[in-house]
Protein backbone atom coordinates (compact mmCIF):
# COMPACT_ATOMS: atom_id res chain seq x y z
CA UNK A 1 148.83 -71.61 12.25
CA UNK A 2 150.13 -75.10 11.63
CA UNK A 3 151.65 -76.52 8.44
CA UNK A 4 151.43 -80.25 7.74
CA UNK A 5 152.98 -82.12 4.84
CA UNK A 6 153.92 -85.55 3.60
CA UNK A 7 157.10 -86.37 1.70
CA UNK A 8 158.39 -89.08 -0.60
CA UNK A 9 162.08 -89.65 -1.35
CA UNK A 10 162.68 -91.92 -4.34
CA UNK A 11 166.05 -93.54 -5.03
CA UNK A 12 167.09 -96.35 -7.34
CA UNK A 13 167.16 -98.65 -4.27
CA UNK A 14 163.67 -97.86 -2.96
CA UNK A 15 161.40 -95.18 -1.58
CA UNK A 16 161.12 -93.48 1.83
CA UNK A 17 157.84 -92.03 3.10
CA UNK A 18 157.13 -89.67 5.96
CA UNK A 19 155.36 -86.59 7.24
CA UNK A 20 156.02 -83.36 9.06
CA UNK A 21 154.24 -80.80 11.17
CA UNK A 22 155.37 -77.24 11.87
CA UNK A 23 154.19 -73.98 13.40
CA UNK A 24 154.26 -70.74 11.40
CA UNK A 25 156.28 -68.01 13.13
CA UNK A 26 155.33 -64.96 11.07
CA UNK A 27 152.35 -63.74 9.09
CA UNK A 28 153.62 -61.67 6.15
CA UNK A 29 154.18 -62.78 2.57
CA UNK A 30 157.22 -64.77 3.72
CA UNK A 31 156.44 -66.95 6.74
CA UNK A 32 159.08 -68.95 8.60
CA UNK A 33 158.18 -72.24 10.26
CA UNK A 34 159.71 -74.93 12.42
CA UNK A 35 158.63 -78.31 13.68
CA UNK A 36 159.19 -82.04 13.52
CA UNK A 37 159.25 -84.78 10.92
CA UNK A 38 159.01 -88.55 11.00
CA UNK A 39 159.82 -91.32 8.55
CA UNK A 40 157.05 -93.90 8.64
CA UNK A 41 158.04 -96.62 6.18
CA UNK A 42 159.72 -97.45 2.91
CA UNK A 43 160.12 -99.89 0.07
CA UNK A 44 163.03 -101.85 -1.40
CA UNK A 45 166.23 -101.31 0.55
CA UNK A 46 164.29 -98.97 2.87
CA UNK A 47 161.46 -101.37 3.73
CA UNK A 48 162.30 -101.06 7.45
CA UNK A 49 162.93 -97.31 7.34
CA UNK A 50 162.10 -95.24 10.39
CA UNK A 51 163.37 -92.04 11.91
CA UNK A 52 162.61 -88.57 13.13
CA UNK A 53 164.00 -85.09 13.17
CA UNK A 54 163.39 -81.38 12.93
CA UNK A 55 162.43 -79.21 9.98
CA UNK A 56 162.81 -75.48 9.41
CA UNK A 57 161.96 -73.29 6.49
CA UNK A 58 160.32 -70.35 4.77
CA UNK A 59 157.23 -70.25 2.57
CA UNK A 60 156.22 -67.52 0.13
CA UNK A 61 152.49 -67.33 0.71
CA UNK A 62 151.89 -65.62 -2.64
CA UNK A 63 153.61 -68.20 -4.87
CA UNK A 64 153.74 -71.22 -2.50
CA UNK A 65 157.52 -71.43 -3.11
CA UNK A 66 159.05 -73.38 -0.25
CA UNK A 67 162.55 -73.82 1.20
CA UNK A 68 163.01 -76.54 3.83
CA UNK A 69 166.02 -77.67 5.86
CA UNK A 70 165.92 -80.91 7.81
CA UNK A 71 168.08 -82.62 10.41
CA UNK A 72 167.52 -85.96 12.09
CA UNK A 73 168.16 -89.68 12.05
CA UNK A 74 167.21 -92.36 9.55
CA UNK A 75 167.52 -96.09 10.21
CA UNK A 76 166.83 -98.81 7.63
């Protein structure tokens, strides 16, 4: 299975937008996942934002609670 998501990071100086895609690695109530993310654009101070990285996490399939860790680069 594949997980896809979009994200928005709002700060007082502008907003950063991006998306991620990850593969699920287990099938029980708690499923781990790993994949990639990319920053597509922004506003304000981040109008030229771009970047990419990796994402890792765990999702509780019963409650949809989610923990995500990211690492990567951001340029703006």
